[in-house]
């Protein structure tokens, strides 16, 4: 044990105080409870399809610290957001949070994907299955996706300072082709070269 820690421990016992065990960071802005509120807010915004960017989170941290009159670096007042060092430490302490690229989702789709609609769908599915007595081999999985006829160009080497770099493609806008695939999960072709193919 470090002699400084041992000295603090002995002084606490002499003064009939509960000795503090463990490391307490001196420069933490938020308490564990306050940081937990920030984490829950980040998770909530993602569920509402309005996730915070790293810059949004840094602004929120500054506003949260300022509103609660916490002790934070003076630099935060000048730029009105938390530092990148704080952001890195925050993500390190909360390792379940990470940077993700969100998929574009329309407002109509987001509004319709709720508990009531999903429950209604499965109720109707159960009714249809009971009415027609489908066997498992007669149930197919189907999904659709959109494929563009214009492929995304790969990176090229260009001169620094060039404002616009182009790459020849068949068309600039192209055509969106909708691809629909259906397959039966129970029917399988024998494995070939270690790959499972589904019919």
N, C-alpha and C. Protein backbone atom coordinates (compact mmCIF):
# COMPACT_ATOMS: atom_id res chain seq x y z
N UNK A 1 0.85 -1.19 0.00
CA UNK A 1 0.00 0.00 0.00
C UNK A 1 0.89 1.25 0.00
N UNK A 2 0.45 2.26 -0.74
CA UNK A 2 1.18 3.52 -0.81
C UNK A 2 1.18 4.20 0.56
N UNK A 3 2.31 4.85 0.92
CA UNK A 3 2.40 5.48 2.24
C UNK A 3 1.40 6.63 2.40
N UNK A 4 1.05 7.28 1.28
CA UNK A 4 0.06 8.37 1.36
C UNK A 4 -1.32 7.81 1.69
N UNK A 5 -1.69 6.71 1.01
CA UNK A 5 -2.98 6.07 1.28
C UNK A 5 -3.02 5.53 2.71
N UNK A 6 -1.90 4.95 3.15
CA UNK A 6 -1.84 4.42 4.51
C UNK A 6 -1.98 5.53 5.54
N UNK A 7 -1.37 6.69 5.28
CA UNK A 7 -1.46 7.83 6.18
C UNK A 7 -2.90 8.34 6.28
N UNK A 8 -3.59 8.43 5.12
CA UNK A 8 -5.00 8.86 5.11
C UNK A 8 -5.87 7.87 5.87
N UNK A 9 -5.57 6.59 5.73
CA UNK A 9 -6.34 5.55 6.39
C UNK A 9 -6.18 5.66 7.91
N UNK A 10 -4.93 5.87 8.37
CA UNK A 10 -4.65 5.98 9.81
C UNK A 10 -5.31 7.24 10.38
N UNK A 11 -5.22 8.37 9.66
CA UNK A 11 -5.83 9.62 10.13
C UNK A 11 -7.35 9.51 10.25
N UNK A 12 -7.95 8.79 9.31
CA UNK A 12 -9.40 8.60 9.36
C UNK A 12 -9.78 7.79 10.59
N UNK A 13 -9.01 6.74 10.92
CA UNK A 13 -9.30 5.92 12.09
C UNK A 13 -9.09 6.71 13.38
N UNK A 14 -8.08 7.58 13.42
CA UNK A 14 -7.83 8.38 14.61
C UNK A 14 -8.95 9.38 14.87
N UNK A 15 -9.54 9.88 13.80
CA UNK A 15 -10.64 10.86 13.94
C UNK A 15 -12.02 10.20 13.96
N UNK A 16 -12.03 8.87 14.12
CA UNK A 16 -13.28 8.11 14.17
C UNK A 16 -14.14 8.32 12.92
N UNK A 17 -13.47 8.37 11.77
CA UNK A 17 -14.17 8.51 10.49
C UNK A 17 -14.05 7.21 9.71
N UNK A 18 -15.00 7.03 8.79
CA UNK A 18 -14.95 5.85 7.93
C UNK A 18 -13.89 6.06 6.86
N UNK A 19 -12.84 5.24 6.84
CA UNK A 19 -11.78 5.44 5.83
C UNK A 19 -12.30 5.16 4.43
N UNK A 20 -11.85 5.97 3.47
CA UNK A 20 -12.23 5.79 2.07
C UNK A 20 -11.27 4.81 1.43
N UNK A 21 -11.84 3.77 0.87
CA UNK A 21 -11.03 2.74 0.21
C UNK A 21 -11.29 2.82 -1.29
N UNK A 22 -10.24 2.73 -2.08
CA UNK A 22 -10.39 2.76 -3.53
C UNK A 22 -9.98 4.10 -4.10
N UNK A 23 -10.02 4.16 -5.42
CA UNK A 23 -9.57 5.34 -6.13
C UNK A 23 -10.74 6.25 -6.42
N UNK A 24 -10.64 7.49 -6.05
CA UNK A 24 -11.65 8.49 -6.37
C UNK A 24 -11.04 9.52 -7.32
N UNK A 25 -11.45 9.52 -8.59
CA UNK A 25 -10.86 10.47 -9.54
C UNK A 25 -11.15 11.90 -9.13
N UNK A 26 -10.14 12.73 -9.24
CA UNK A 26 -10.26 14.11 -8.77
C UNK A 26 -10.93 15.02 -9.80
N UNK A 27 -10.92 14.62 -11.06
CA UNK A 27 -11.40 15.51 -12.10
C UNK A 27 -12.72 15.07 -12.73
N UNK A 28 -13.45 14.21 -12.07
CA UNK A 28 -14.75 13.78 -12.59
C UNK A 28 -15.73 14.92 -12.47
N UNK A 29 -16.44 15.23 -13.56
CA UNK A 29 -17.42 16.31 -13.56
C UNK A 29 -18.75 15.83 -12.98
N UNK A 30 -19.20 14.67 -13.41
CA UNK A 30 -20.51 14.15 -13.00
C UNK A 30 -20.35 13.01 -12.01
N UNK A 31 -21.32 12.89 -11.13
CA UNK A 31 -21.35 11.73 -10.24
C UNK A 31 -21.81 10.51 -11.04
N UNK A 32 -21.72 9.34 -10.43
CA UNK A 32 -22.13 8.11 -11.11
C UNK A 32 -23.62 8.17 -11.45
N UNK A 33 -24.43 8.75 -10.56
CA UNK A 33 -25.87 8.84 -10.82
C UNK A 33 -26.16 9.80 -11.97
N UNK A 34 -25.48 10.94 -12.00
CA UNK A 34 -25.69 11.90 -13.07
C UNK A 34 -25.23 11.34 -14.42
N UNK A 35 -24.12 10.62 -14.41
CA UNK A 35 -23.65 10.00 -15.65
C UNK A 35 -24.60 8.92 -16.12
N UNK A 36 -25.22 8.22 -15.17
CA UNK A 36 -26.22 7.22 -15.53
C UNK A 36 -27.43 7.87 -16.20
N UNK A 37 -27.79 9.08 -15.76
CA UNK A 37 -28.89 9.80 -16.41
C UNK A 37 -28.53 10.17 -17.85
N UNK A 38 -27.28 10.56 -18.08
CA UNK A 38 -26.84 10.87 -19.44
C UNK A 38 -26.90 9.62 -20.33
N UNK A 39 -26.47 8.48 -19.79
CA UNK A 39 -26.50 7.23 -20.54
C UNK A 39 -27.92 6.86 -20.91
N UNK A 40 -28.84 6.96 -19.96
CA UNK A 40 -30.24 6.63 -20.24
C UNK A 40 -30.85 7.58 -21.27
N UNK A 41 -30.45 8.85 -21.22
CA UNK A 41 -30.95 9.82 -22.19
C UNK A 41 -30.46 9.47 -23.60
N UNK A 42 -29.19 9.07 -23.71
CA UNK A 42 -28.64 8.66 -25.01
C UNK A 42 -29.40 7.47 -25.57
N UNK A 43 -29.67 6.49 -24.71
CA UNK A 43 -30.39 5.29 -25.15
C UNK A 43 -31.83 5.62 -25.54
N UNK A 44 -32.45 6.56 -24.81
CA UNK A 44 -33.83 6.94 -25.09
C UNK A 44 -33.94 7.64 -26.44
N UNK A 45 -32.99 8.53 -26.75
CA UNK A 45 -33.05 9.25 -28.01
C UNK A 45 -32.89 8.30 -29.20
N UNK A 46 -32.09 7.25 -29.05
CA UNK A 46 -31.95 6.27 -30.13
C UNK A 46 -33.26 5.54 -30.34
N UNK A 47 -33.95 5.19 -29.27
CA UNK A 47 -35.25 4.52 -29.38
C UNK A 47 -36.28 5.41 -30.08
N UNK A 48 -36.11 6.73 -29.97
CA UNK A 48 -37.04 7.67 -30.59
C UNK A 48 -36.58 8.09 -31.99
N UNK A 49 -35.53 7.43 -32.51
CA UNK A 49 -34.99 7.70 -33.85
C UNK A 49 -34.38 9.09 -33.97
N UNK A 50 -33.94 9.68 -32.88
CA UNK A 50 -33.26 10.96 -32.89
C UNK A 50 -31.99 10.86 -32.04
N UNK A 51 -31.14 9.90 -32.38
CA UNK A 51 -29.93 9.66 -31.61
C UNK A 51 -29.00 10.86 -31.60
N UNK A 52 -28.23 10.99 -30.55
CA UNK A 52 -27.31 12.12 -30.40
C UNK A 52 -26.00 11.84 -31.13
N UNK A 53 -25.50 12.84 -31.83
CA UNK A 53 -24.16 12.75 -32.37
C UNK A 53 -23.17 13.04 -31.23
N UNK A 54 -21.89 12.82 -31.49
CA UNK A 54 -20.88 13.09 -30.45
C UNK A 54 -20.89 14.57 -30.07
N UNK A 55 -21.10 15.44 -31.06
CA UNK A 55 -21.14 16.88 -30.75
C UNK A 55 -22.38 17.22 -29.93
N UNK A 56 -23.52 16.59 -30.26
CA UNK A 56 -24.74 16.82 -29.48
C UNK A 56 -24.55 16.39 -28.03
N UNK A 57 -23.88 15.26 -27.84
CA UNK A 57 -23.65 14.76 -26.49
C UNK A 57 -22.73 15.69 -25.71
N UNK A 58 -21.72 16.24 -26.37
CA UNK A 58 -20.82 17.17 -25.70
C UNK A 58 -21.54 18.46 -25.31
N UNK A 59 -22.45 18.94 -26.18
CA UNK A 59 -23.25 20.12 -25.84
C UNK A 59 -24.18 19.83 -24.67
N UNK A 60 -24.78 18.65 -24.70
CA UNK A 60 -25.69 18.26 -23.62
C UNK A 60 -24.95 18.16 -22.30
N UNK A 61 -23.73 17.62 -22.32
CA UNK A 61 -22.94 17.50 -21.10
C UNK A 61 -22.63 18.87 -20.51
N UNK A 62 -22.29 19.83 -21.37
CA UNK A 62 -22.01 21.18 -20.89
C UNK A 62 -23.26 21.82 -20.28
N UNK A 63 -24.40 21.68 -20.97
CA UNK A 63 -25.65 22.26 -20.46
C UNK A 63 -26.07 21.61 -19.14
N UNK A 64 -25.87 20.31 -19.05
CA UNK A 64 -26.22 19.57 -17.84
C UNK A 64 -25.34 20.01 -16.67
N UNK A 65 -24.03 20.14 -16.93
CA UNK A 65 -23.10 20.56 -15.88
C UNK A 65 -23.36 22.00 -15.47
N UNK A 66 -23.67 22.86 -16.45
CA UNK A 66 -23.92 24.27 -16.16
C UNK A 66 -25.21 24.45 -15.37
N UNK A 67 -26.25 23.71 -15.75
CA UNK A 67 -27.54 23.83 -15.06
C UNK A 67 -27.46 23.36 -13.62
N UNK A 68 -26.61 22.34 -13.36
CA UNK A 68 -26.46 21.81 -12.01
C UNK A 68 -25.33 22.48 -11.24
N UNK A 69 -24.69 23.51 -11.86
CA UNK A 69 -23.62 24.27 -11.22
C UNK A 69 -22.52 23.36 -10.70
N UNK A 70 -22.07 22.47 -11.58
CA UNK A 70 -21.00 21.55 -11.22
C UNK A 70 -19.64 22.19 -11.51
N UNK A 71 -18.62 21.58 -10.98
CA UNK A 71 -17.26 22.06 -11.20
C UNK A 71 -16.72 21.41 -12.47
N UNK A 72 -16.61 22.19 -13.54
CA UNK A 72 -16.13 21.67 -14.82
C UNK A 72 -15.06 22.61 -15.37
N UNK A 73 -14.24 22.16 -16.33
CA UNK A 73 -13.15 22.99 -16.85
C UNK A 73 -13.66 24.31 -17.44
N UNK A 74 -12.90 25.36 -17.25
CA UNK A 74 -13.26 26.68 -17.75
C UNK A 74 -13.34 26.71 -19.28
N UNK A 75 -12.60 25.84 -19.92
CA UNK A 75 -12.59 25.76 -21.39
C UNK A 75 -13.98 25.46 -21.93
N UNK A 76 -14.79 24.72 -21.15
CA UNK A 76 -16.14 24.38 -21.59
C UNK A 76 -16.97 25.63 -21.81
N UNK A 77 -16.78 26.66 -20.97
CA UNK A 77 -17.54 27.90 -21.11
C UNK A 77 -17.19 28.65 -22.40
N UNK A 78 -15.95 28.54 -22.80
CA UNK A 78 -15.52 29.26 -24.00
C UNK A 78 -16.12 28.67 -25.27
N UNK A 79 -16.18 27.34 -25.35
CA UNK A 79 -16.68 26.68 -26.56
C UNK A 79 -18.12 26.19 -26.41
N UNK A 80 -18.65 26.22 -25.17
CA UNK A 80 -20.03 25.81 -24.85
C UNK A 80 -20.32 24.35 -25.19
N UNK A 81 -19.33 23.52 -25.00
CA UNK A 81 -19.54 22.08 -25.06
C UNK A 81 -18.38 21.38 -24.35
N UNK A 82 -18.59 20.14 -23.98
CA UNK A 82 -17.56 19.38 -23.27
C UNK A 82 -16.41 19.06 -24.22
N UNK A 83 -15.28 18.72 -23.64
CA UNK A 83 -14.09 18.45 -24.44
C UNK A 83 -14.14 17.03 -25.02
N UNK A 84 -13.29 16.79 -26.01
CA UNK A 84 -13.19 15.46 -26.59
C UNK A 84 -12.61 14.46 -25.59
N UNK A 85 -11.76 14.96 -24.69
CA UNK A 85 -11.20 14.07 -23.65
C UNK A 85 -12.32 13.54 -22.76
N UNK A 86 -13.26 14.43 -22.40
CA UNK A 86 -14.38 13.98 -21.57
C UNK A 86 -15.21 12.94 -22.32
N UNK A 87 -15.44 13.18 -23.62
CA UNK A 87 -16.23 12.25 -24.42
C UNK A 87 -15.57 10.88 -24.48
N UNK A 88 -14.27 10.85 -24.71
CA UNK A 88 -13.54 9.57 -24.78
C UNK A 88 -13.61 8.83 -23.44
N UNK A 89 -13.44 9.57 -22.35
CA UNK A 89 -13.50 8.95 -21.02
C UNK A 89 -14.91 8.46 -20.73
N UNK A 90 -15.91 9.23 -21.14
CA UNK A 90 -17.32 8.83 -20.93
C UNK A 90 -17.63 7.54 -21.67
N UNK A 91 -17.19 7.43 -22.93
CA UNK A 91 -17.45 6.21 -23.71
C UNK A 91 -16.63 5.05 -23.17
N UNK A 92 -15.45 5.33 -22.62
CA UNK A 92 -14.63 4.27 -22.04
C UNK A 92 -15.29 3.71 -20.78
N UNK A 93 -15.87 4.60 -19.98
CA UNK A 93 -16.54 4.14 -18.75
C UNK A 93 -17.84 3.41 -19.07
N UNK A 94 -18.49 3.79 -20.16
CA UNK A 94 -19.75 3.16 -20.57
C UNK A 94 -19.51 2.44 -21.89
N UNK A 95 -18.85 1.30 -21.79
CA UNK A 95 -18.37 0.61 -22.98
C UNK A 95 -19.50 0.03 -23.84
N UNK A 96 -20.72 -0.01 -23.32
CA UNK A 96 -21.82 -0.53 -24.14
C UNK A 96 -22.32 0.52 -25.14
N UNK A 97 -21.90 1.75 -24.97
CA UNK A 97 -22.23 2.78 -25.95
C UNK A 97 -21.13 2.81 -27.01
N UNK A 98 -21.52 3.00 -28.26
CA UNK A 98 -20.56 3.02 -29.34
C UNK A 98 -21.08 3.89 -30.48
N UNK A 99 -20.18 4.22 -31.42
CA UNK A 99 -20.60 4.96 -32.60
C UNK A 99 -21.26 4.01 -33.58
N UNK A 100 -22.41 4.35 -34.10
CA UNK A 100 -23.10 3.54 -35.10
C UNK A 100 -23.60 4.44 -36.22
N UNK A 101 -23.66 3.90 -37.42
CA UNK A 101 -24.23 4.64 -38.54
C UNK A 101 -25.70 4.28 -38.64
N UNK A 102 -26.61 5.23 -38.38
CA UNK A 102 -28.03 4.89 -38.41
C UNK A 102 -28.54 4.68 -39.82
N UNK A 103 -29.54 3.84 -39.96
CA UNK A 103 -30.19 3.62 -41.25
C UNK A 103 -31.31 4.64 -41.41
N UNK A 104 -31.40 5.23 -42.58
CA UNK A 104 -32.46 6.22 -42.83
C UNK A 104 -33.82 5.56 -42.71
N UNK A 105 -34.67 6.12 -41.85
CA UNK A 105 -36.00 5.57 -41.59
C UNK A 105 -37.03 6.67 -41.75
N UNK A 106 -38.07 6.40 -42.55
CA UNK A 106 -39.10 7.41 -42.76
C UNK A 106 -39.91 7.59 -41.49
N UNK A 107 -40.52 8.78 -41.37
CA UNK A 107 -41.33 9.08 -40.19
C UNK A 107 -42.54 8.16 -40.10
N UNK A 108 -43.15 7.86 -41.26
CA UNK A 108 -44.32 6.98 -41.26
C UNK A 108 -43.97 5.59 -40.74
N UNK A 109 -42.82 5.08 -41.16
CA UNK A 109 -42.40 3.75 -40.70
C UNK A 109 -42.11 3.76 -39.21
N UNK A 110 -41.46 4.80 -38.74
CA UNK A 110 -41.14 4.88 -37.31
C UNK A 110 -42.41 4.99 -36.46
N UNK A 111 -43.39 5.76 -36.95
CA UNK A 111 -44.63 5.96 -36.19
C UNK A 111 -45.47 4.68 -36.15
N UNK A 112 -45.42 3.88 -37.23
CA UNK A 112 -46.26 2.69 -37.29
C UNK A 112 -45.66 1.48 -36.59
N UNK A 113 -44.37 1.52 -36.31
CA UNK A 113 -43.74 0.40 -35.61
C UNK A 113 -43.87 0.63 -34.10
N UNK A 114 -45.01 0.22 -33.56
CA UNK A 114 -45.25 0.38 -32.13
C UNK A 114 -45.86 -0.90 -31.57
N UNK A 115 -46.03 -0.94 -30.26
CA UNK A 115 -46.50 -2.15 -29.59
C UNK A 115 -47.88 -2.57 -30.08
N UNK A 116 -48.77 -1.60 -30.28
CA UNK A 116 -50.14 -1.93 -30.68
C UNK A 116 -50.19 -2.56 -32.07
N UNK A 117 -49.45 -1.99 -33.02
CA UNK A 117 -49.47 -2.52 -34.39
C UNK A 117 -48.80 -3.89 -34.48
N UNK A 118 -47.69 -4.07 -33.76
CA UNK A 118 -47.00 -5.36 -33.78
C UNK A 118 -47.88 -6.43 -33.13
N UNK A 119 -48.53 -6.09 -32.02
CA UNK A 119 -49.43 -7.04 -31.36
C UNK A 119 -50.61 -7.39 -32.27
N UNK A 120 -51.13 -6.40 -32.98
CA UNK A 120 -52.24 -6.63 -33.92
C UNK A 120 -51.82 -7.57 -35.04
N UNK A 121 -50.57 -7.40 -35.54
CA UNK A 121 -50.07 -8.27 -36.60
C UNK A 121 -50.00 -9.72 -36.14
N UNK A 122 -49.44 -9.96 -34.95
CA UNK A 122 -49.29 -11.34 -34.48
C UNK A 122 -50.63 -11.96 -34.12
N UNK A 123 -51.59 -11.16 -33.68
CA UNK A 123 -52.94 -11.69 -33.44
C UNK A 123 -53.57 -12.17 -34.74
N UNK A 124 -53.42 -11.39 -35.81
CA UNK A 124 -53.97 -11.79 -37.11
C UNK A 124 -53.23 -13.00 -37.66
N UNK A 125 -51.92 -13.06 -37.44
CA UNK A 125 -51.14 -14.22 -37.89
C UNK A 125 -51.61 -15.49 -37.19
N UNK A 126 -51.85 -15.41 -35.87
CA UNK A 126 -52.33 -16.58 -35.13
C UNK A 126 -53.69 -17.03 -35.63
N UNK A 127 -54.56 -16.07 -35.96
CA UNK A 127 -55.90 -16.41 -36.49
C UNK A 127 -55.80 -17.14 -37.82
N UNK A 128 -54.93 -16.67 -38.71
CA UNK A 128 -54.76 -17.30 -40.03
C UNK A 128 -54.17 -18.70 -39.87
N UNK A 129 -53.19 -18.87 -39.00
CA UNK A 129 -52.58 -20.18 -38.80
C UNK A 129 -53.58 -21.19 -38.25
N UNK A 130 -54.43 -20.75 -37.34
CA UNK A 130 -55.45 -21.64 -36.77
C UNK A 130 -56.53 -21.98 -37.80
N UNK A 131 -56.89 -21.02 -38.65
CA UNK A 131 -57.96 -21.23 -39.62
C UNK A 131 -57.54 -22.22 -40.71
N UNK A 132 -56.30 -22.10 -41.20
CA UNK A 132 -55.87 -22.93 -42.34
C UNK A 132 -54.99 -24.10 -41.93
N UNK A 133 -54.55 -24.18 -40.70
CA UNK A 133 -53.73 -25.29 -40.21
C UNK A 133 -52.51 -25.53 -41.09
N UNK A 134 -51.73 -24.47 -41.31
CA UNK A 134 -50.53 -24.60 -42.13
C UNK A 134 -49.51 -25.49 -41.44
N UNK A 135 -48.86 -26.34 -42.24
CA UNK A 135 -47.74 -27.15 -41.74
C UNK A 135 -46.47 -26.29 -41.77
N UNK A 136 -45.48 -26.62 -40.94
CA UNK A 136 -44.24 -25.81 -40.92
C UNK A 136 -43.56 -25.71 -42.29
N UNK A 137 -43.61 -26.79 -43.10
CA UNK A 137 -42.96 -26.75 -44.40
C UNK A 137 -43.69 -25.87 -45.41
N UNK A 138 -44.88 -25.41 -45.07
CA UNK A 138 -45.63 -24.53 -45.96
C UNK A 138 -45.52 -23.06 -45.56
N UNK A 139 -44.68 -22.77 -44.57
CA UNK A 139 -44.48 -21.39 -44.12
C UNK A 139 -43.15 -20.89 -44.69
N UNK A 140 -43.20 -19.79 -45.41
CA UNK A 140 -42.02 -19.24 -46.08
C UNK A 140 -41.65 -17.90 -45.47
N UNK A 141 -40.36 -17.63 -45.50
CA UNK A 141 -39.84 -16.34 -45.06
C UNK A 141 -39.61 -15.49 -46.30
N UNK A 142 -40.09 -14.25 -46.28
CA UNK A 142 -39.98 -13.40 -47.45
C UNK A 142 -39.50 -12.02 -47.01
N UNK A 143 -38.65 -11.41 -47.84
CA UNK A 143 -38.15 -10.07 -47.55
C UNK A 143 -37.86 -9.38 -48.86
N UNK A 144 -37.85 -8.06 -48.84
CA UNK A 144 -37.56 -7.29 -50.04
C UNK A 144 -36.48 -6.27 -49.72
N UNK A 145 -35.74 -5.91 -50.76
CA UNK A 145 -34.69 -4.92 -50.62
C UNK A 145 -34.58 -4.14 -51.92
N UNK A 146 -33.98 -2.97 -51.84
CA UNK A 146 -33.81 -2.14 -53.03
C UNK A 146 -32.36 -2.16 -53.49
N UNK A 147 -32.14 -2.36 -54.77
CA UNK A 147 -30.80 -2.39 -55.34
C UNK A 147 -30.72 -1.31 -56.42
N UNK A 148 -29.75 -0.42 -56.31
CA UNK A 148 -29.58 0.65 -57.29
C UNK A 148 -28.72 0.17 -58.44
N UNK A 149 -29.03 0.64 -59.66
CA UNK A 149 -28.23 0.27 -60.83
C UNK A 149 -26.93 1.06 -60.90
N UNK A 150 -26.80 2.10 -60.08
CA UNK A 150 -25.57 2.89 -60.05
C UNK A 150 -24.78 2.50 -58.81
N UNK A 151 -23.58 1.99 -59.02
CA UNK A 151 -22.74 1.55 -57.91
C UNK A 151 -21.98 2.73 -57.31
N UNK A 152 -21.73 2.66 -56.02
CA UNK A 152 -20.98 3.72 -55.34
C UNK A 152 -19.52 3.65 -55.75
N UNK A 153 -18.94 4.75 -56.21
CA UNK A 153 -17.53 4.72 -56.64
C UNK A 153 -16.60 4.50 -55.46
N UNK A 154 -15.47 3.87 -55.75
CA UNK A 154 -14.46 3.67 -54.70
C UNK A 154 -13.58 4.91 -54.61
N UNK A 155 -12.78 5.01 -53.55
CA UNK A 155 -11.92 6.16 -53.35
C UNK A 155 -10.81 6.19 -54.41
N UNK A 156 -10.46 7.39 -54.80
CA UNK A 156 -9.38 7.56 -55.78
C UNK A 156 -8.36 8.55 -55.23
N UNK A 157 -7.17 8.58 -55.84
CA UNK A 157 -6.13 9.53 -55.44
C UNK A 157 -6.33 10.81 -56.23
N UNK A 158 -6.49 11.92 -55.54
CA UNK A 158 -6.73 13.21 -56.19
C UNK A 158 -5.84 14.27 -55.56
N UNK A 159 -5.71 15.40 -56.26
CA UNK A 159 -4.89 16.50 -55.79
C UNK A 159 -5.54 17.17 -54.60
N UNK A 160 -4.75 17.58 -53.61
CA UNK A 160 -5.27 18.31 -52.45
C UNK A 160 -5.85 19.64 -52.89
N UNK A 161 -6.97 20.02 -52.27
CA UNK A 161 -7.59 21.30 -52.59
C UNK A 161 -8.61 21.22 -53.70
N UNK A 162 -8.72 20.05 -54.38
CA UNK A 162 -9.72 19.90 -55.43
C UNK A 162 -11.11 19.92 -54.82
N UNK A 163 -11.96 20.81 -55.31
CA UNK A 163 -13.28 20.98 -54.71
C UNK A 163 -14.22 19.83 -55.06
N UNK A 164 -14.12 19.31 -56.28
CA UNK A 164 -15.04 18.27 -56.69
C UNK A 164 -14.28 17.20 -57.45
N UNK A 165 -14.46 15.94 -57.06
CA UNK A 165 -13.84 14.80 -57.72
C UNK A 165 -14.94 13.88 -58.19
N UNK A 166 -14.97 13.61 -59.49
CA UNK A 166 -16.02 12.75 -60.06
C UNK A 166 -15.47 11.43 -60.52
N UNK A 167 -16.39 10.51 -60.79
CA UNK A 167 -16.04 9.20 -61.32
C UNK A 167 -17.14 8.79 -62.28
N UNK A 168 -16.76 8.36 -63.50
CA UNK A 168 -17.75 8.02 -64.52
C UNK A 168 -18.57 6.81 -64.06
N UNK A 169 -19.91 6.95 -64.18
CA UNK A 169 -20.83 5.85 -63.87
C UNK A 169 -21.83 5.76 -65.01
N UNK A 170 -22.60 4.66 -65.04
CA UNK A 170 -23.56 4.48 -66.12
C UNK A 170 -24.60 5.60 -66.12
N UNK A 171 -25.07 6.00 -64.94
CA UNK A 171 -26.00 7.10 -64.78
C UNK A 171 -25.71 7.77 -63.46
N UNK A 172 -26.14 9.02 -63.30
CA UNK A 172 -25.93 9.70 -62.02
C UNK A 172 -26.97 9.28 -61.00
N UNK A 173 -28.23 9.14 -61.44
CA UNK A 173 -29.30 8.80 -60.50
C UNK A 173 -29.63 7.32 -60.55
N UNK A 174 -29.70 6.75 -61.75
CA UNK A 174 -29.95 5.32 -61.87
C UNK A 174 -31.39 4.93 -61.59
N UNK A 175 -31.62 3.63 -61.51
CA UNK A 175 -32.95 3.08 -61.27
C UNK A 175 -32.90 2.19 -60.03
N UNK A 176 -33.91 2.30 -59.21
CA UNK A 176 -33.98 1.45 -58.01
C UNK A 176 -34.76 0.19 -58.36
N UNK A 177 -34.11 -0.96 -58.28
CA UNK A 177 -34.74 -2.25 -58.57
C UNK A 177 -35.10 -2.91 -57.25
N UNK A 178 -36.37 -3.27 -57.10
CA UNK A 178 -36.83 -3.94 -55.89
C UNK A 178 -36.67 -5.44 -56.05
N UNK A 179 -35.95 -6.05 -55.14
CA UNK A 179 -35.68 -7.48 -55.17
C UNK A 179 -36.44 -8.15 -54.04
N UNK A 180 -37.21 -9.17 -54.37
CA UNK A 180 -38.02 -9.88 -53.38
C UNK A 180 -37.56 -11.34 -53.33
N UNK A 181 -37.23 -11.83 -52.15
CA UNK A 181 -36.71 -13.19 -51.99
C UNK A 181 -37.57 -13.94 -50.97
N UNK A 182 -37.95 -15.17 -51.32
CA UNK A 182 -38.71 -16.02 -50.40
C UNK A 182 -38.05 -17.38 -50.34
N UNK A 183 -38.00 -17.98 -49.14
CA UNK A 183 -37.43 -19.32 -49.02
C UNK A 183 -38.05 -20.04 -47.83
N UNK A 184 -38.00 -21.37 -47.91
CA UNK A 184 -38.52 -22.24 -46.86
C UNK A 184 -37.34 -22.64 -45.98
N UNK A 185 -37.44 -22.31 -44.68
CA UNK A 185 -36.33 -22.58 -43.76
C UNK A 185 -36.10 -24.07 -43.55
N UNK A 186 -37.13 -24.91 -43.79
CA UNK A 186 -36.99 -26.34 -43.50
C UNK A 186 -36.40 -27.12 -44.66
N UNK A 187 -36.47 -26.58 -45.87
CA UNK A 187 -35.93 -27.30 -47.03
C UNK A 187 -34.50 -26.86 -47.26
N UNK A 188 -33.59 -27.81 -47.26
CA UNK A 188 -32.17 -27.50 -47.41
C UNK A 188 -31.55 -28.36 -48.49
N UNK A 189 -30.65 -27.75 -49.25
CA UNK A 189 -29.82 -28.49 -50.19
C UNK A 189 -28.63 -29.04 -49.40
N UNK A 190 -28.16 -30.25 -49.71
CA UNK A 190 -26.98 -30.77 -49.00
C UNK A 190 -25.82 -29.80 -49.07
N UNK A 191 -25.04 -29.78 -48.02
CA UNK A 191 -23.92 -28.85 -47.93
C UNK A 191 -22.92 -29.10 -49.04
N UNK A 192 -22.50 -28.01 -49.67
CA UNK A 192 -21.48 -28.11 -50.72
C UNK A 192 -20.34 -27.16 -50.35
N UNK A 193 -19.18 -27.73 -50.26
CA UNK A 193 -17.97 -26.97 -49.94
C UNK A 193 -18.15 -26.15 -48.67
N UNK A 194 -18.84 -26.72 -47.68
CA UNK A 194 -18.97 -26.09 -46.39
C UNK A 194 -19.96 -24.95 -46.33
N UNK A 195 -20.80 -24.76 -47.40
CA UNK A 195 -21.75 -23.65 -47.43
C UNK A 195 -23.16 -24.23 -47.43
N UNK A 196 -24.02 -23.74 -46.55
CA UNK A 196 -25.42 -24.14 -46.52
C UNK A 196 -26.21 -23.27 -47.48
N UNK A 197 -26.86 -23.89 -48.44
CA UNK A 197 -27.72 -23.15 -49.36
C UNK A 197 -29.17 -23.43 -49.03
N UNK A 198 -29.99 -22.38 -49.01
CA UNK A 198 -31.41 -22.53 -48.70
C UNK A 198 -32.21 -22.44 -49.99
N UNK A 199 -33.23 -23.27 -50.14
CA UNK A 199 -34.09 -23.24 -51.32
C UNK A 199 -35.08 -22.09 -51.17
